[in-house]
Amino acid sequence: MKFILTPTRTERTRSMRRLPPLHALRAFEAAARHLHFARAAAELHLTPTAISHQIRQLEEILEVKLFHRYPRPIRLSDEGAALFPVLRESFDRMSNAIAGISQLDSERPLTVSVTVAFASLWLMRRLPALRSQTGLNLKVEADNQPVDLSGSDVDVAVRYAVQAEPEDQWLPLFEDSLIPLCAPDVLRRHTLNGDAGILGLPLIQYRWNCGAEASPSWQRWSHAAGLGGAVPEIAQHFSEEINAIDSALAGQGVVLASSVLAASAVAAGHLVRLSETELPGRTFWAVSRSNHPRFAEVERFASWARASG
């Protein structure tokens, strides 16, 4: 007598997972994360048309709509909102697992994303000390656009924010303030009579890229100094903080600059602080993905940065 063992329903399910094509799932996850087909296409090195086609293929397989495409901008449907966090977590776990078992992963440089100003004014001059004191080898990605940690090979990003966000792991580095600074040569050319006299100097302004809240404007500084809220005349405008600080270093006027980013120039005597009146800044953070396989190195970088600030 022969016995035939029939697989149970659970066993059949495990051996024959019914999953849509991986490329369609990746296209949907990227588009849901960016809420933008073109940005998802750029991340995956595809065209927006290909992204749209793959998502429609997934919708046909699942027999649901994953996005509301009109009116623009696109937004997730209820079904898409339910699927997205599951896929994002799954892709993150796969990425972390692959990085964890890769023999070469521990040998590659730790990739850190920073703004152009932070790279030029704070990090670059400290890189030799970082290597000798921690043994870390950094790959520096300087860009003023915040990087998507889940969609790149960046290990840690230096962020400027009021408080930590619930996603990812946020390690505080140092508190910042905005202080009035100029080159010593400016003081030799102009007579300074207290805080009111500062507003009579050539004032340098730059565009604040962290939202309107707490922008380091001379009007806000004047109010903090008890001089009223009058709008002082600005001698020079810049789009980037680093250019405004360079202008101050060149003796072209006074800038409200980050005390953290300008610390080296102040210590060297290239810039002079003109007043104790300051505007509150934000906090510099080291941010990494949750459960990052190289988090011990990220913590080593953050501890070194705090000690070097």
Protein backbone atom coordinates (compact mmCIF):
# COMPACT_ATOMS: atom_id res chain seq x y z
CA MET A 1 0.00 0.00 0.00
CA LYS A 2 1.36 3.40 -0.98
CA PHE A 3 0.76 6.53 1.01
CA ILE A 4 0.68 9.88 -0.78
CA LEU A 5 1.40 12.87 1.39
CA THR A 6 -0.65 15.85 0.32
CA PRO A 7 0.84 19.26 1.18
CA THR A 8 -1.20 21.29 3.57
CA ARG A 9 -2.61 24.64 2.48
CA THR A 10 0.03 26.47 4.54
CA GLU A 11 2.83 24.46 2.98
CA ARG A 12 1.50 25.14 -0.51
CA THR A 13 1.34 28.87 0.29
CA ARG A 14 4.92 28.93 1.57
CA SER A 15 6.28 27.08 -1.45
CA MET A 16 4.31 29.11 -4.01
CA ARG A 17 4.24 32.73 -2.86
CA ARG A 18 2.02 34.71 -5.19
CA LEU A 19 3.95 37.97 -5.50
CA PRO A 20 3.73 40.59 -8.24
CA PRO A 21 6.90 41.33 -10.23
CA LEU A 22 9.63 42.84 -8.08
CA HIS A 23 10.22 45.71 -10.51
CA ALA A 24 6.59 46.78 -10.18
CA LEU A 25 6.77 46.67 -6.38
CA ARG A 26 9.97 48.75 -6.41
CA ALA A 27 8.40 51.30 -8.76
CA PHE A 28 5.36 51.65 -6.50
CA GLU A 29 7.46 51.93 -3.30
CA ALA A 30 9.65 54.66 -4.79
CA ALA A 31 6.69 56.60 -6.21
CA ALA A 32 4.81 56.32 -2.89
CA ARG A 33 7.84 57.54 -0.95
CA HIS A 34 8.39 60.56 -3.19
CA LEU A 35 4.73 61.06 -4.17
CA HIS A 36 6.19 61.94 -7.53
CA PHE A 37 6.70 59.68 -10.56
CA ALA A 38 9.60 61.70 -12.02
CA ARG A 39 11.61 61.58 -8.77
CA ALA A 40 10.97 57.85 -8.44
CA ALA A 41 12.13 57.43 -12.05
CA ALA A 42 15.35 59.35 -11.35
CA GLU A 43 16.08 57.18 -8.29
CA LEU A 44 15.54 53.92 -10.23
CA HIS A 45 17.22 55.20 -13.43
CA LEU A 46 14.00 54.82 -15.45
CA THR A 47 11.68 57.16 -17.29
CA PRO A 48 8.49 58.52 -15.69
CA THR A 49 6.56 56.65 -18.39
CA ALA A 50 8.17 53.36 -17.33
CA ILE A 51 7.31 54.04 -13.67
CA SER A 52 3.70 54.80 -14.61
CA HIS A 53 3.49 51.65 -16.74
CA GLN A 54 4.88 49.41 -13.96
CA ILE A 55 2.48 50.86 -11.39
CA ARG A 56 -0.49 50.33 -13.73
CA GLN A 57 0.70 46.75 -14.21
CA LEU A 58 0.72 46.30 -10.42
CA GLU A 59 -2.74 47.83 -10.13
CA GLU A 60 -4.07 45.41 -12.75
CA ILE A 61 -2.57 42.45 -10.92
CA LEU A 62 -3.95 43.55 -7.56
CA GLU A 63 -7.22 44.81 -9.09
CA VAL A 64 -7.07 48.03 -7.03
CA LYS A 65 -6.08 51.63 -7.60
CA LEU A 66 -2.92 52.53 -5.68
CA PHE A 67 -2.82 56.24 -6.49
CA HIS A 68 -5.26 59.07 -7.06
CA ARG A 69 -3.62 60.73 -10.05
CA TYR A 70 -6.02 63.63 -10.46
CA PRO A 71 -6.17 66.36 -9.41
CA ARG A 72 -2.43 66.83 -9.15
CA PRO A 73 -0.30 66.24 -7.11
CA ILE A 74 -0.73 62.48 -6.88
CA ARG A 75 -1.74 60.92 -3.57
CA LEU A 76 -2.05 57.39 -2.27
CA SER A 77 -5.39 55.60 -2.27
CA ASP A 78 -6.46 53.75 0.87
CA GLU A 79 -5.11 50.53 -0.65
CA GLY A 80 -1.84 52.20 -1.61
CA ALA A 81 -1.46 53.71 1.86
CA ALA A 82 -1.90 50.23 3.37
CA LEU A 83 0.65 48.62 1.05
CA PHE A 84 3.36 51.29 1.14
CA PRO A 85 4.68 50.91 4.74
CA VAL A 86 4.82 47.13 4.36
CA LEU A 87 6.90 47.38 1.19
CA ARG A 88 9.13 50.12 2.58
CA GLU A 89 9.95 48.07 5.66
CA SER A 90 10.54 44.97 3.55
CA PHE A 91 12.95 46.73 1.19
CA ASP A 92 14.76 48.32 4.15
CA ARG A 93 15.13 44.93 5.85
CA MET A 94 16.42 43.33 2.64
CA SER A 95 18.91 46.16 2.15
CA ASN A 96 20.14 45.92 5.73
CA ALA A 97 20.42 42.13 5.56
CA ILE A 98 22.42 42.26 2.33
CA ALA A 99 24.70 44.96 3.75
CA GLY A 100 25.11 42.94 6.93
CA ILE A 101 26.34 39.80 5.18
CA SER A 102 28.48 41.57 2.60
CA GLN A 103 32.17 41.04 3.31
CA LEU A 104 33.04 44.25 1.49
CA ASP A 105 30.55 46.48 3.31
CA SER A 106 32.76 47.04 6.35
CA GLU A 107 35.65 47.94 4.04
CA ARG A 108 33.90 50.72 2.13
CA PRO A 109 34.02 54.31 3.42
CA LEU A 110 31.25 55.50 5.70
CA THR A 111 29.17 57.76 3.46
CA VAL A 112 28.07 61.00 5.13
CA SER A 113 25.68 63.53 3.57
CA VAL A 114 26.17 67.20 4.55
CA THR A 115 25.35 70.63 3.19
CA VAL A 116 27.96 72.46 1.14
CA ALA A 117 28.43 74.98 3.97
CA PHE A 118 28.92 72.29 6.62
CA ALA A 119 31.41 70.44 4.42
CA SER A 120 33.46 73.52 3.58
CA LEU A 121 33.34 75.40 6.88
CA TRP A 122 33.28 72.61 9.47
CA LEU A 123 34.04 69.10 8.22
CA MET A 124 36.87 69.40 5.67
CA ARG A 125 39.43 70.92 8.04
CA ARG A 126 38.68 68.19 10.59
CA LEU A 127 38.94 65.14 8.30
CA PRO A 128 42.60 64.33 9.11
CA ALA A 129 41.80 64.36 12.85
CA LEU A 130 38.72 62.21 12.26
CA ARG A 131 40.76 59.53 10.51
CA SER A 132 43.56 59.50 13.08
CA GLN A 133 41.29 59.62 16.14
CA THR A 134 38.54 57.20 15.07
CA GLY A 135 39.95 55.12 12.24
CA LEU A 136 36.90 56.03 10.14
CA ASN A 137 37.28 56.64 6.44
CA LEU A 138 34.55 58.99 5.19
CA LYS A 139 33.04 59.50 1.78
CA VAL A 140 31.57 63.02 1.86
CA GLU A 141 28.45 63.77 -0.19
CA ALA A 142 27.93 67.56 -0.16
CA ASP A 143 24.49 68.68 -1.33
CA ASN A 144 22.02 71.23 -0.03
CA GLN A 145 19.05 68.98 -0.82
CA PRO A 146 18.21 66.54 2.03
CA VAL A 147 19.07 62.99 0.99
CA ASP A 148 16.53 60.16 1.18
CA LEU A 149 18.28 57.73 3.52
CA SER A 150 16.11 54.79 2.50
CA GLY A 151 16.74 55.29 -1.20
CA SER A 152 20.51 55.83 -1.26
CA ASP A 153 23.78 54.36 0.00
CA VAL A 154 24.27 57.22 2.48
CA ASP A 155 25.03 55.87 5.97
CA VAL A 156 24.57 59.08 7.97
CA ALA A 157 23.27 62.56 7.20
CA VAL A 158 23.98 65.72 9.17
CA ARG A 159 20.63 67.50 9.54
CA TYR A 160 19.72 70.94 10.94
CA ALA A 161 16.39 70.69 12.77
CA VAL A 162 14.55 71.83 15.88
CA GLN A 163 13.85 68.30 17.08
CA ALA A 164 14.25 64.67 16.09
CA GLU A 165 11.66 63.07 13.84
CA PRO A 166 10.05 59.70 14.65
CA GLU A 167 11.55 57.91 11.65
CA ASP A 168 15.22 56.92 11.57
CA GLN A 169 17.75 57.36 14.40
CA TRP A 170 18.68 60.92 15.40
CA LEU A 171 21.83 61.61 17.44
CA PRO A 172 22.27 65.22 18.65
CA LEU A 173 25.61 66.82 17.81
CA PHE A 174 25.54 70.47 18.93
CA GLU A 175 23.21 73.42 19.49
CA ASP A 176 23.55 76.42 17.21
CA SER A 177 22.94 80.17 17.41
CA LEU A 178 23.08 82.99 14.85
CA ILE A 179 25.59 85.72 15.71
CA PRO A 180 26.76 88.96 14.02
CA LEU A 181 30.25 88.62 12.55
CA CYS A 182 32.61 90.65 10.41
CA ALA A 183 36.27 90.76 9.44
CA PRO A 184 38.61 92.84 11.64
CA ASP A 185 39.21 95.18 8.70
CA VAL A 186 35.56 96.32 8.84
CA LEU A 187 36.06 97.59 12.40
CA ARG A 188 39.15 99.53 11.29
CA ARG A 189 37.09 101.32 8.65
CA HIS A 190 33.97 101.98 10.74
CA THR A 191 33.29 103.24 14.26
CA LEU A 192 31.03 100.87 16.19
CA ASN A 193 28.72 102.23 18.90
CA GLY A 194 26.99 99.24 20.46
CA ASP A 195 24.27 97.16 18.85
CA ALA A 196 22.70 100.18 17.16
CA GLY A 197 25.98 100.86 15.40
CA ILE A 198 25.97 97.35 13.89
CA LEU A 199 22.89 98.23 11.85
CA GLY A 200 24.83 101.14 10.36
CA LEU A 201 27.46 98.80 8.90
CA PRO A 202 27.10 97.12 5.48
CA LEU A 203 24.74 94.23 6.22
CA ILE A 204 24.92 90.87 4.46
CA GLN A 205 21.81 88.68 4.11
CA TYR A 206 21.32 85.17 2.72
CA ARG A 207 18.30 83.05 1.91
CA TRP A 208 17.20 80.81 4.78
CA ASN A 209 16.57 77.31 3.44
CA CYS A 210 15.01 75.87 6.61
CA GLY A 211 11.56 77.43 6.27
CA ALA A 212 10.31 80.86 7.30
CA GLU A 213 10.31 80.01 11.02
CA ALA A 214 13.25 81.53 12.93
CA SER A 215 14.96 82.86 9.80
CA PRO A 216 18.15 84.79 10.69
CA SER A 217 17.03 88.18 9.35
CA TRP A 218 18.50 91.48 10.48
CA GLN A 219 14.98 92.63 11.31
CA ARG A 220 14.62 89.81 13.86
CA TRP A 221 18.09 90.53 15.26
CA SER A 222 17.23 94.25 15.61
CA HIS A 223 14.11 93.30 17.56
CA ALA A 224 16.12 90.91 19.80
CA ALA A 225 18.62 93.70 20.49
CA GLY A 226 15.80 95.98 21.68
CA LEU A 227 16.19 98.32 18.71
CA GLY A 228 12.67 97.87 17.34
CA GLY A 229 11.55 95.97 14.30
CA ALA A 230 12.65 98.43 11.64
CA VAL A 231 13.91 96.81 8.44
CA PRO A 232 17.57 97.83 8.01
CA GLU A 233 19.06 98.35 4.56
CA ILE A 234 20.84 95.26 3.22
CA ALA A 235 24.06 95.88 1.33
CA GLN A 236 24.44 92.42 -0.21
CA HIS A 237 22.10 89.45 -0.73
CA PHE A 238 23.17 85.82 -1.29
CA SER A 239 21.29 82.61 -1.96
CA GLU A 240 23.71 80.48 0.12
CA GLU A 241 25.02 80.90 3.66
CA ILE A 242 28.54 79.89 2.65
CA ASN A 243 28.73 82.77 0.13
CA ALA A 244 27.51 85.23 2.76
CA ILE A 245 30.21 84.06 5.20
CA ASP A 246 32.83 84.27 2.44
CA SER A 247 31.68 87.85 1.78
CA ALA A 248 32.13 88.70 5.47
CA LEU A 249 35.59 87.09 5.45
CA ALA A 250 36.47 89.32 2.50
CA GLY A 251 35.63 92.39 4.59
CA GLN A 252 32.47 93.30 2.69
CA GLY A 253 30.20 93.67 5.72
CA VAL A 254 28.47 91.98 8.67
CA VAL A 255 26.68 88.62 8.49
CA LEU A 256 24.36 86.78 10.88
CA ALA A 257 26.03 83.40 10.71
CA SER A 258 25.91 80.03 12.40
CA SER A 259 28.12 80.03 15.50
CA VAL A 260 28.97 76.38 14.74
CA LEU A 261 30.00 76.92 11.13
CA ALA A 262 31.91 80.11 11.86
CA ALA A 263 33.70 78.81 14.97
CA SER A 264 37.00 78.07 13.21
CA ALA A 265 37.12 81.48 11.54
CA VAL A 266 36.38 83.20 14.86
CA ALA A 267 39.02 81.15 16.68
CA ALA A 268 41.58 82.06 14.02
CA GLY A 269 40.72 85.77 14.25
CA HIS A 270 39.44 85.95 10.67
CA LEU A 271 35.98 86.93 11.93
CA VAL A 272 35.03 88.97 15.00
CA ARG A 273 31.82 88.65 16.99
CA LEU A 274 30.27 92.12 17.36
CA SER A 275 27.59 91.59 20.01
CA GLU A 276 26.32 89.19 22.64
CA THR A 277 22.83 89.55 21.11
CA GLU A 278 22.07 86.42 19.14
CA LEU A 279 19.20 84.59 17.50
CA PRO A 280 18.43 81.00 18.48
CA GLY A 281 19.47 78.45 15.92
CA ARG A 282 18.55 74.82 15.56
CA THR A 283 20.35 71.59 16.46
CA PHE A 284 22.81 69.72 14.26
CA TRP A 285 21.96 65.99 14.23
CA ALA A 286 23.57 62.85 12.86
CA VAL A 287 20.72 60.86 11.29
CA SER A 288 20.85 57.23 10.20
CA ARG A 289 18.34 54.60 9.10
CA SER A 290 16.75 52.51 11.81
CA ASN A 291 18.58 49.22 12.38
CA HIS A 292 21.48 50.33 10.20
CA PRO A 293 24.08 47.52 10.09
CA ARG A 294 26.91 50.05 10.54
CA PHE A 295 25.24 52.03 13.33
CA ALA A 296 28.23 51.48 15.64
CA GLU A 297 30.36 53.46 13.17
CA VAL A 298 27.65 56.13 12.91
CA GLU A 299 27.74 56.48 16.71
CA ARG A 300 31.54 56.73 16.58
CA PHE A 301 31.25 59.53 14.01
CA ALA A 302 28.64 61.37 16.12
CA SER A 303 30.71 61.07 19.33
CA TRP A 304 33.78 62.39 17.54
CA ALA A 305 31.80 65.30 16.02
CA ARG A 306 30.43 66.32 19.44
CA ALA A 307 33.93 66.30 20.92
CA SER A 308 35.29 68.28 17.97
CA GLY A 309 32.54 70.92 17.88
